[in-house]
C-alpha atoms as a PDB file:
ATOM      1  CA  VAL A   1       0.228  -0.056  -0.003  1.00  0.00           C
ATOM      2  CA  PRO A   2       1.259   3.586  -0.353  1.00  0.00           C
ATOM      3  CA  SER A   3       2.285   5.931   2.412  1.00  0.00           C
ATOM      4  CA  SER A   4      -1.134   7.638   1.823  1.00  0.00           C
ATOM      5  CA  ALA A   5      -3.303   4.623   2.874  1.00  0.00           C
ATOM      6  CA  ILE A   6      -5.259   5.279   5.964  1.00  0.00           C
ATOM      7  CA  LEU A   7      -6.763   2.069   8.195  1.00  0.00           C
ATOM      8  CA  ASP A   8      -9.255   3.253  10.353  1.00  0.00           C
ATOM      9  CA  GLY A   9     -11.802   1.842  12.987  1.00  0.00           C
ATOM     10  CA  PHE A  10     -11.304  -1.753  12.422  1.00  0.00           C
ATOM     11  CA  VAL A  11     -10.586  -5.031  14.649  1.00  0.00           C
ATOM     12  CA  LEU A  12      -7.559  -7.685  13.246  1.00  0.00           C
ATOM     13  CA  THR A  13      -8.586 -10.484  15.700  1.00  0.00           C
ATOM     14  CA  GLY A  14      -7.560 -14.311  15.378  1.00  0.00           C
ATOM     15  CA  GLY A  15      -4.926 -13.938  12.974  1.00  0.00           C
ATOM     16  CA  ARG A  16      -2.161 -16.779  12.750  1.00  0.00           C
ATOM     17  CA  ALA A  17       1.509 -16.247  11.154  1.00  0.00           C
ATOM     18  CA  ASP A  18       2.425 -19.918  11.194  1.00  0.00           C
ATOM     19  CA  GLY A  19       3.259 -21.129   8.032  1.00  0.00           C
ATOM     20  CA  SER A  20       7.133 -20.791   6.214  1.00  0.00           C
ATOM     21  CA  GLY A  21       9.347 -18.172   5.148  1.00  0.00           C
ATOM     22  CA  ALA A  22       7.593 -14.480   5.715  1.00  0.00           C
ATOM     23  CA  HIS A  23       4.580 -16.319   6.846  1.00  0.00           C
ATOM     24  CA  ILE A  24       5.668 -16.740  10.296  1.00  0.00           C
ATOM     25  CA  HIS A  25       5.821 -12.998  11.229  1.00  0.00           C
ATOM     26  CA  GLY A  26       3.105 -10.572  11.951  1.00  0.00           C
ATOM     27  CA  ALA A  27      -0.460 -12.406  12.023  1.00  0.00           C
ATOM     28  CA  GLY A  28      -2.205  -8.794  12.033  1.00  0.00           C
ATOM     29  CA  ILE A  29      -0.120  -6.750   9.798  1.00  0.00           C
ATOM     30  CA  TYR A  30       2.354  -7.625   7.768  1.00  0.00           C
ATOM     31  CA  LEU A  31       4.638  -4.283   6.696  1.00  0.00           C
ATOM     32  CA  TRP A  32       7.625  -3.731   4.198  1.00  0.00           C
ATOM     33  CA  ASN A  33       8.453  -0.985   2.658  1.00  0.00           C
ATOM     34  CA  CYS A  34       5.239   0.714   3.272  1.00  0.00           C
ATOM     35  CA  SER A  35       4.305   3.338   5.800  1.00  0.00           C
ATOM     36  CA  PRO A  36       0.262   3.604   6.214  1.00  0.00           C
ATOM     37  CA  THR A  37      -1.317   5.314   8.866  1.00  0.00           C
ATOM     38  CA  ILE A  38      -3.475   3.050  11.007  1.00  0.00           C
ATOM     39  CA  ARG A  39      -5.558   4.733  13.655  1.00  0.00           C
ATOM     40  CA  ASN A  40      -8.642   3.828  15.946  1.00  0.00           C
ATOM     41  CA  CYS A  41      -7.572   0.127  15.377  1.00  0.00           C
ATOM     42  CA  THR A  42      -7.994  -2.942  17.677  1.00  0.00           C
ATOM     43  CA  LEU A  43      -5.550  -5.496  16.995  1.00  0.00           C
ATOM     44  CA  GLU A  44      -5.986  -8.698  19.405  1.00  0.00           C
ATOM     45  CA  TYR A  45      -5.660 -12.586  19.697  1.00  0.00           C
ATOM     46  CA  ASN A  46      -3.375 -12.557  17.128  1.00  0.00           C
ATOM     47  CA  TYR A  47      -0.007 -15.225  17.034  1.00  0.00           C
ATOM     48  CA  SER A  48       3.368 -15.460  15.247  1.00  0.00           C
ATOM     49  CA  VAL A  49       5.470 -18.133  15.307  1.00  0.00           C
ATOM     50  CA  SER A  50       8.369 -15.710  15.176  1.00  0.00           C
ATOM     51  CA  SER A  51       8.139 -12.234  15.853  1.00  0.00           C
ATOM     52  CA  GLY A  52       5.589  -9.707  15.754  1.00  0.00           C
ATOM     53  CA  GLY A  53       2.163 -11.173  17.053  1.00  0.00           C
ATOM     54  CA  ALA A  54       0.153  -8.354  15.784  1.00  0.00           C
ATOM     55  CA  LEU A  55       2.198  -6.350  13.654  1.00  0.00           C
ATOM     56  CA  TYR A  56       5.554  -6.758  11.804  1.00  0.00           C
ATOM     57  CA  SER A  57       7.072  -3.723  10.364  1.00  0.00           C
ATOM     58  CA  ILE A  58       9.821  -2.882   8.000  1.00  0.00           C
ATOM     59  CA  SER A  59       8.518   0.078   7.611  1.00  0.00           C
ATOM     60  CA  LYS A  60       7.591   3.640   8.976  1.00  0.00           C
ATOM     61  CA  PRO A  61       4.135   3.510   9.561  1.00  0.00           C
ATOM     62  CA  ARG A  62       1.953   5.947  11.909  1.00  0.00           C
ATOM     63  CA  PHE A  63       0.081   4.510  14.789  1.00  0.00           C
ATOM     64  CA  ASN A  64      -2.730   6.473  16.635  1.00  0.00           C
ATOM     65  CA  ASN A  65      -5.220   5.891  19.198  1.00  0.00           C
ATOM     66  CA  CYS A  66      -4.899   1.854  18.743  1.00  0.00           C
ATOM     67  CA  THR A  67      -5.065  -1.064  20.922  1.00  0.00           C
ATOM     68  CA  PHE A  68      -2.963  -4.009  21.115  1.00  0.00           C
ATOM     69  CA  ARG A  69      -3.925  -6.704  23.428  1.00  0.00           C
ATOM     70  CA  TYR A  70      -3.708 -10.885  23.773  1.00  0.00           C
ATOM     71  CA  ASN A  71      -1.009 -10.418  20.842  1.00  0.00           C
ATOM     72  CA  ARG A  72       1.394 -13.542  21.090  1.00  0.00           C
ATOM     73  CA  SER A  73       4.897 -14.226  19.342  1.00  0.00           C
ATOM     74  CA  ASN A  74       6.324 -17.797  20.266  1.00  0.00           C
ATOM     75  CA  THR A  75       9.986 -17.930  19.600  1.00  0.00           C
ATOM     76  CA  GLY A  76      10.896 -14.715  17.970  1.00  0.00           C
ATOM     77  CA  THR A  77      10.892 -11.221  19.883  1.00  0.00           C
ATOM     78  CA  GLY A  78       7.651  -8.432  20.094  1.00  0.00           C
ATOM     79  CA  GLY A  79       4.246  -9.973  21.881  1.00  0.00           C
ATOM     80  CA  ALA A  80       2.653  -7.130  19.941  1.00  0.00           C
ATOM     81  CA  ILE A  81       4.927  -5.650  17.559  1.00  0.00           C
ATOM     82  CA  HIS A  82       8.090  -6.052  15.976  1.00  0.00           C
ATOM     83  CA  THR A  83       9.041  -2.498  15.154  1.00  0.00           C
ATOM     84  CA  PHE A  84      11.259  -0.635  12.368  1.00  0.00           C
ATOM     85  CA  ARG A  85      10.592   2.697  12.635  1.00  0.00           C
ATOM     86  CA  ASP A  86       7.096   3.318  13.619  1.00  0.00           C
ATOM     87  CA  ARG A  87       5.445   5.830  15.255  1.00  0.00           C
ATOM     88  CA  VAL A  88       2.794   5.129  18.170  1.00  0.00           C
ATOM     89  CA  GLN A  89       1.116   7.398  19.824  1.00  0.00           C
ATOM     90  CA  ASN A  90      -2.430   7.239  22.054  1.00  0.00           C
ATOM     91  CA  SER A  91      -2.498   4.035  22.175  1.00  0.00           C
ATOM     92  CA  ASN A  92      -2.937   0.949  24.639  1.00  0.00           C
ATOM     93  CA  PHE A  93      -0.666  -2.337  25.417  1.00  0.00           C
ATOM     94  CA  TYR A  94      -1.894  -4.839  27.731  1.00  0.00           C
ATOM     95  CA  ASN A  95      -1.651  -8.989  28.013  1.00  0.00           C
ATOM     96  CA  ASN A  96       0.856  -9.458  25.333  1.00  0.00           C
ATOM     97  CA  LYS A  97       3.210 -11.825  25.622  1.00  0.00           C
ATOM     98  CA  GLY A  98       6.792 -12.855  23.480  1.00  0.00           C
ATOM     99  CA  PRO A  99       9.863 -14.419  24.615  1.00  0.00           C
ATOM    100  CA  SER A 100      11.138 -10.729  24.809  1.00  0.00           C
ATOM    101  CA  GLY A 101       9.738  -7.841  24.232  1.00  0.00           C
ATOM    102  CA  GLY A 102       6.538  -8.554  26.093  1.00  0.00           C
ATOM    103  CA  ALA A 103       4.663  -6.011  23.976  1.00  0.00           C
ATOM    104  CA  ILE A 104       7.108  -4.821  21.614  1.00  0.00           C
ATOM    105  CA  SER A 105      10.689  -5.151  19.891  1.00  0.00           C
ATOM    106  CA  ILE A 106      12.602  -2.269  18.206  1.00  0.00           C
ATOM    107  CA  SER A 107      15.579  -2.324  15.596  1.00  0.00           C
ATOM    108  CA  ASN A 108      15.751   1.160  14.625  1.00  0.00           C
ATOM    109  CA  ASN A 109      14.331   4.569  15.708  1.00  0.00           C
ATOM    110  CA  ALA A 110      11.045   4.238  16.503  1.00  0.00           C
ATOM    111  CA  THR A 111       9.181   7.196  18.451  1.00  0.00           C
ATOM    112  CA  LEU A 112       6.469   5.415  21.354  1.00  0.00           C
ATOM    113  CA  LEU A 113       4.844   8.469  22.779  1.00  0.00           C
ATOM    114  CA  ASN A 114       1.403   9.100  25.081  1.00  0.00           C
ATOM    115  CA  SER A 115       1.075   5.368  25.482  1.00  0.00           C
ATOM    116  CA  THR A 116       0.207   2.860  28.410  1.00  0.00           C
ATOM    117  CA  PHE A 117       1.758  -0.885  28.910  1.00  0.00           C
ATOM    118  CA  TRP A 118      -0.097  -2.987  31.122  1.00  0.00           C
ATOM    119  CA  ASN A 119       0.615  -6.446  32.254  1.00  0.00           C
ATOM    120  CA  ASN A 120       2.768  -7.824  29.124  1.00  0.00           C
ATOM    121  CA  HIS A 121       5.149 -10.225  29.717  1.00  0.00           C
ATOM    122  CA  ALA A 122       8.755 -11.384  28.358  1.00  0.00           C
ATOM    123  CA  PHE A 123       8.515 -14.820  28.968  1.00  0.00           C
ATOM    124  CA  SER A 124      11.861 -16.178  28.781  1.00  0.00           C
ATOM    125  CA  GLY A 125      14.352 -13.090  27.740  1.00  0.00           C
ATOM    126  CA  GLN A 126      14.031  -9.631  28.458  1.00  0.00           C
ATOM    127  CA  GLY A 127      11.987  -6.713  28.241  1.00  0.00           C
ATOM    128  CA  GLY A 128       8.588  -7.198  29.864  1.00  0.00           C
ATOM    129  CA  SER A 129       7.048  -4.538  27.621  1.00  0.00           C
ATOM    130  CA  ILE A 130       9.834  -3.354  25.208  1.00  0.00           C
ATOM    131  CA  SER A 131      13.144  -4.841  23.983  1.00  0.00           C
ATOM    132  CA  VAL A 132      15.294  -2.273  22.216  1.00  0.00           C
ATOM    133  CA  ILE A 133      17.646  -4.690  20.010  1.00  0.00           C
ATOM    134  CA  SER A 134      18.904  -1.491  18.254  1.00  0.00           C
ATOM    135  CA  GLY A 135      19.040   2.154  16.950  1.00  0.00           C
ATOM    136  CA  THR A 136      17.949   4.939  18.818  1.00  0.00           C
ATOM    137  CA  PRO A 137      14.026   4.999  19.689  1.00  0.00           C
ATOM    138  CA  ILE A 138      12.393   7.790  21.557  1.00  0.00           C
ATOM    139  CA  ILE A 139       9.996   6.792  24.424  1.00  0.00           C
ATOM    140  CA  ALA A 140       7.950  10.085  25.739  1.00  0.00           C
ATOM    141  CA  ASN A 141       5.207  10.196  28.204  1.00  0.00           C
ATOM    142  CA  CYS A 142       4.572   6.410  28.754  1.00  0.00           C
ATOM    143  CA  THR A 143       3.291   4.887  31.808  1.00  0.00           C
ATOM    144  CA  PHE A 144       4.560   0.783  32.296  1.00  0.00           C
ATOM    145  CA  SER A 145       3.164  -0.983  35.500  1.00  0.00           C
ATOM    146  CA  ALA A 146       2.815  -4.558  36.151  1.00  0.00           C
ATOM    147  CA  ASN A 147       4.772  -6.000  33.182  1.00  0.00           C
ATOM    148  CA  GLU A 148       6.916  -8.870  33.946  1.00  0.00           C
ATOM    149  CA  SER A 149      10.050 -10.292  32.349  1.00  0.00           C
ATOM    150  CA  ALA A 150      11.929 -12.965  32.909  1.00  0.00           C
ATOM    151  CA  GLN A 151      15.062 -12.062  32.944  1.00  0.00           C
ATOM    152  CA  CYS A 152      16.506  -8.224  32.889  1.00  0.00           C
ATOM    153  CA  GLY A 153      14.095  -5.701  32.406  1.00  0.00           C
ATOM    154  CA  GLY A 154      10.764  -5.386  33.853  1.00  0.00           C
ATOM    155  CA  ALA A 155       9.550  -3.056  31.912  1.00  0.00           C
ATOM    156  CA  ILE A 156      12.144  -1.930  29.513  1.00  0.00           C
ATOM    157  CA  TYR A 157      15.397  -3.800  27.978  1.00  0.00           C
ATOM    158  CA  GLY A 158      18.443  -1.955  25.936  1.00  0.00           C
ATOM    159  CA  SER A 159      20.665  -4.050  24.330  1.00  0.00           C
ATOM    160  CA  LEU A 160      24.819  -2.928  24.053  1.00  0.00           C
ATOM    161  CA  ASN A 161      23.674  -1.382  20.459  1.00  0.00           C
ATOM    162  CA  SER A 162      20.700   0.611  21.329  1.00  0.00           C
ATOM    163  CA  PHE A 163      20.563   4.144  22.411  1.00  0.00           C
ATOM    164  CA  SER A 164      17.185   4.434  24.185  1.00  0.00           C
ATOM    165  CA  ARG A 165      15.703   7.858  24.967  1.00  0.00           C
ATOM    166  CA  LEU A 166      13.297   7.491  28.211  1.00  0.00           C
ATOM    167  CA  TYR A 167      11.012  11.039  28.608  1.00  0.00           C
ATOM    168  CA  ASN A 168       8.376  11.987  31.162  1.00  0.00           C
ATOM    169  CA  CYS A 169       7.371   8.163  31.643  1.00  0.00           C
ATOM    170  CA  ILE A 170       5.785   6.441  34.995  1.00  0.00           C
ATOM    171  CA  ILE A 171       7.424   2.826  35.651  1.00  0.00           C
ATOM    172  CA  TRP A 172       6.416   1.253  38.617  1.00  0.00           C
ATOM    173  CA  ASN A 173       5.535  -2.056  39.945  1.00  0.00           C
ATOM    174  CA  ASN A 174       7.331  -4.640  37.104  1.00  0.00           C
ATOM    175  CA  LYS A 175       8.788  -7.328  38.146  1.00  0.00           C
ATOM    176  CA  SER A 176      12.144  -9.063  37.186  1.00  0.00           C
ATOM    177  CA  LEU A 177      15.067 -10.839  37.906  1.00  0.00           C
ATOM    178  CA  PHE A 178      16.889  -7.443  37.441  1.00  0.00           C
ATOM    179  CA  ASP A 179      15.765  -3.853  37.725  1.00  0.00           C
ATOM    180  CA  GLU A 180      12.598  -2.027  36.010  1.00  0.00           C
ATOM    181  CA  ILE A 181      15.330  -0.556  33.524  1.00  0.00           C
ATOM    182  CA  CYS A 182      17.343  -2.264  32.614  1.00  0.00           C
ATOM    183  CA  GLY A 183      20.501  -2.588  29.972  1.00  0.00           C
ATOM    184  CA  THR A 184      21.899   0.321  27.776  1.00  0.00           C
ATOM    185  CA  ILE A 185      19.737   3.109  27.960  1.00  0.00           C
ATOM    186  CA  ASP A 186      21.164   6.429  26.259  1.00  0.00           C
ATOM    187  CA  SER A 187      19.063   9.095  28.962  1.00  0.00           C
ATOM    188  CA  VAL A 188      16.257   8.689  30.905  1.00  0.00           C
ATOM    189  CA  LYS A 189      15.220  11.810  32.226  1.00  0.00           C
ATOM    190  CA  ASN A 190      12.002  13.604  34.368  1.00  0.00           C
ATOM    191  CA  CYS A 191      10.654  10.370  35.350  1.00  0.00           C
ATOM    192  CA  ILE A 192       8.862   8.423  38.158  1.00  0.00           C
ATOM    193  CA  VAL A 193      11.082   5.220  38.499  1.00  0.00           C
ATOM    194  CA  GLU A 194       9.966   2.607  41.265  1.00  0.00           C
ATOM    195  CA  GLY A 195      13.645   2.034  43.263  1.00  0.00           C
ATOM    196  CA  GLY A 196      15.018   5.095  41.457  1.00  0.00           C
ATOM    197  CA  TYR A 197      17.294   5.003  38.478  1.00  0.00           C
ATOM    198  CA  GLU A 198      20.594   6.373  39.351  1.00  0.00           C
ATOM    199  CA  ASP A 199      22.191   7.017  35.710  1.00  0.00           C
ATOM    200  CA  GLY A 200      19.127   9.203  35.174  1.00  0.00           C
ATOM    201  CA  ILE A 201      18.275  12.848  35.427  1.00  0.00           C
ATOM    202  CA  TYR A 202      15.481  14.412  37.599  1.00  0.00           C
ATOM    203  CA  ILE A 203      14.224  11.026  38.669  1.00  0.00           C
ATOM    204  CA  PHE A 204      11.440  10.898  41.706  1.00  0.00           C
ATOM    205  CA  GLU A 205      10.414   7.310  43.291  1.00  0.00           C
ATOM    206  CA  PHE A 206       7.353   8.826  44.685  1.00  0.00           C
ATOM    207  CA  TYR A 207       3.764   6.591  43.609  1.00  0.00           C
ATOM    208  CA  PRO A 208       2.281   8.056  41.325  1.00  0.00           C
ATOM    209  CA  GLU A 209      -1.063   7.015  42.976  1.00  0.00           C
ATOM    210  CA  PHE A 210      -2.941   5.014  40.154  1.00  0.00           C
ATOM    211  CA  VAL A 211      -6.351   5.170  40.376  1.00  0.00           C
ATOM    212  CA  ASP A 212      -9.805   3.181  38.821  1.00  0.00           C
ATOM    213  CA  SER A 213     -10.538   5.335  35.536  1.00  0.00           C
ATOM    214  CA  GLY A 214     -14.077   5.342  36.731  1.00  0.00           C
END
């Protein structure tokens, strides 16, 4: 599809990428060198044998006001999304599972804004919500809570080849063997982090007082 394409107001559910070749990634959406706008959509209950349970992207799409829930990748990365240079904003990720990067795995300069990550699970690797494989992603104005990693980074993990920048976020009550933020993170600034983050700037440790949305 061309970059002018828009997918608006759809539910993509029950996809299975369990074939061979390219057909083991992105059970809901598979993007290769195309950058559409996807908004007001829900991707749920999708399953991929490898990476990107709901979405596999080697492109630069734009997501706005979307929900990713109950998606799973089995052996790759990114329970909901494997992203290259995606821009995701005003979106929700919950109850997604993957070996590494329970909700998202990032392999380039993705941008994540104004989004919520809750109860995502990296069941054998790092990054309960996000695993950054490479690149310089920006993560700003996001909330991470109740996510879990089997190894490092209950909320976020950065590999040695990554330079993530994390601003204005809340990171609280995430579980792992080692810390809520783990690995190589280039910058953490103006965040609330349970237990603190000694390499950050303006890091606060006070309870964020979550309340029921009602």
